[in-house]
């Protein structure tokens, strides 16, 4: 009987976690940022949230750039950006959270030894 109770307890703990991860990945994950549904000629380059359900985006369609306002009810062309130039993404501009965590952990391990070479970003 204790095996069944243990299995039910594990399921009661794991199932809500799985449902929470599924919900968060649907709400905030790959579909929200067009990582899954991005075409070859249409890209969302940047986006800034203006509230819970509104944002502005810079969109590239072919070689043209547009400033768009997006909400639940509509998508509005705010301005055509004639002289917009994309910023090249370099490794210096992109922070890898795993590298940051690794640097922090190394700093924590060596902090007691008088080595203080960790740089806050």
Protein backbone atom coordinates (compact mmCIF):
# COMPACT_ATOMS: atom_id res chain seq x y z
CA UNK A 1 0.00 0.00 0.00
CA UNK A 2 2.90 2.39 0.69
CA UNK A 3 4.19 1.94 -2.89
CA UNK A 4 0.88 3.21 -4.25
CA UNK A 5 0.84 6.13 -1.83
CA UNK A 6 4.41 7.03 -2.82
CA UNK A 7 3.54 6.90 -6.52
CA UNK A 8 0.46 9.09 -6.00
CA UNK A 9 2.52 11.57 -3.97
CA UNK A 10 5.22 11.76 -6.66
CA UNK A 11 2.56 12.26 -9.33
CA UNK A 12 0.89 14.96 -7.26
CA UNK A 13 4.22 16.81 -7.09
CA UNK A 14 5.45 16.27 -10.66
CA UNK A 15 2.21 16.77 -12.63
CA UNK A 16 1.62 20.39 -11.53
CA UNK A 17 5.25 21.21 -12.33
CA UNK A 18 4.92 19.76 -15.83
CA UNK A 19 1.69 21.69 -16.40
CA UNK A 20 3.30 24.91 -15.15
CA UNK A 21 6.28 24.50 -17.50
CA UNK A 22 3.95 23.77 -20.43
CA UNK A 23 1.83 26.83 -19.64
CA UNK A 24 4.84 29.15 -19.30
CA UNK A 25 6.47 27.90 -22.48
CA UNK A 26 3.25 28.44 -24.44
CA UNK A 27 2.59 31.87 -22.93
CA UNK A 28 6.14 33.27 -22.96
CA UNK A 29 8.11 30.81 -25.03
CA UNK A 30 9.01 30.16 -28.62
CA UNK A 31 5.73 31.19 -30.26
CA UNK A 32 5.63 34.61 -28.56
CA UNK A 33 8.99 35.59 -30.04
CA UNK A 34 8.38 34.07 -33.48
CA UNK A 35 11.28 31.64 -33.05
CA UNK A 36 9.14 28.85 -34.44
CA UNK A 37 7.05 30.70 -37.05
CA UNK A 38 9.59 33.02 -38.64
CA UNK A 39 9.68 33.08 -42.40
CA UNK A 40 12.70 33.70 -44.57
CA UNK A 41 11.66 37.20 -45.65
CA UNK A 42 9.82 38.44 -42.54
CA UNK A 43 11.64 38.90 -39.22
CA UNK A 44 10.88 40.68 -35.97
CA UNK A 45 14.22 42.30 -35.18
CA UNK A 46 13.38 44.04 -31.90
CA UNK A 47 10.37 44.36 -29.66
CA UNK A 48 9.59 46.32 -26.53
CA UNK A 49 6.64 45.65 -24.26
CA UNK A 50 4.40 48.66 -23.61
CA UNK A 51 2.14 46.83 -21.20
CA UNK A 52 0.64 43.44 -20.57
CA UNK A 53 -0.75 42.98 -24.08
CA UNK A 54 0.86 45.71 -26.20
CA UNK A 55 4.29 46.15 -27.73
CA UNK A 56 6.15 47.97 -30.47
CA UNK A 57 8.31 46.06 -32.93
CA UNK A 58 10.85 46.71 -35.64
CA UNK A 59 10.01 44.33 -38.47
CA UNK A 60 12.04 43.55 -41.57
CA UNK A 61 10.10 42.50 -44.67
CA UNK A 62 12.56 41.74 -47.43
CA UNK A 63 14.83 44.81 -47.46
CA UNK A 64 12.28 47.21 -45.91
CA UNK A 65 12.03 48.05 -42.19
CA UNK A 66 8.86 49.04 -40.34
CA UNK A 67 7.95 50.26 -36.86
CA UNK A 68 4.78 48.40 -35.85
CA UNK A 69 2.44 48.70 -32.89
CA UNK A 70 0.93 45.40 -31.80
CA UNK A 71 -1.92 44.72 -29.38
CA UNK A 72 -4.52 42.02 -28.88
CA UNK A 73 -6.99 43.84 -31.10
CA UNK A 74 -4.82 45.10 -33.95
CA UNK A 75 -1.44 45.55 -35.60
CA UNK A 76 -0.69 49.07 -36.76
CA UNK A 77 2.03 50.38 -39.07
CA UNK A 78 3.46 53.33 -37.18
CA UNK A 79 6.26 54.30 -39.56
CA UNK A 80 8.33 53.01 -42.44
CA UNK A 81 11.98 53.19 -41.39
CA UNK A 82 13.80 54.26 -44.54
CA UNK A 83 17.25 54.71 -43.00
CA UNK A 84 17.23 51.93 -40.39
CA UNK A 85 20.39 49.83 -40.17
CA UNK A 86 20.56 46.55 -38.30
CA UNK A 87 23.18 46.28 -35.59
CA UNK A 88 25.39 43.24 -36.09
CA UNK A 89 25.11 40.78 -33.23
CA UNK A 90 28.50 40.02 -31.82
CA UNK A 91 29.46 37.67 -29.05
CA UNK A 92 30.39 40.66 -26.90
CA UNK A 93 26.81 42.00 -27.06
CA UNK A 94 25.15 38.68 -26.20
CA UNK A 95 25.44 37.50 -22.62
CA UNK A 96 25.29 33.77 -22.13
CA UNK A 97 23.55 33.09 -18.80
CA UNK A 98 25.42 29.79 -18.37
CA UNK A 99 28.79 31.54 -18.72
CA UNK A 100 27.66 34.20 -16.24
CA UNK A 101 26.60 31.50 -13.76
CA UNK A 102 29.87 29.63 -14.26
CA UNK A 103 31.89 32.81 -13.64
CA UNK A 104 29.88 33.57 -10.52
CA UNK A 105 30.35 30.02 -9.18
CA UNK A 106 34.10 30.17 -9.81
CA UNK A 107 34.20 33.50 -7.99
CA UNK A 108 32.29 32.06 -5.03
CA UNK A 109 34.68 29.09 -4.81
CA UNK A 110 37.81 31.25 -4.91
CA UNK A 111 36.46 34.16 -2.83
CA UNK A 112 37.72 32.64 0.40
CA UNK A 113 41.21 32.17 -1.06
CA UNK A 114 41.82 35.89 -1.58
CA UNK A 115 41.29 35.71 -5.37
CA UNK A 116 38.90 38.47 -6.37
CA UNK A 117 39.04 38.42 -10.18
CA UNK A 118 35.28 38.17 -10.86
CA UNK A 119 33.89 41.11 -12.79
CA UNK A 120 30.28 42.25 -12.16
CA UNK A 121 28.41 43.00 -15.38
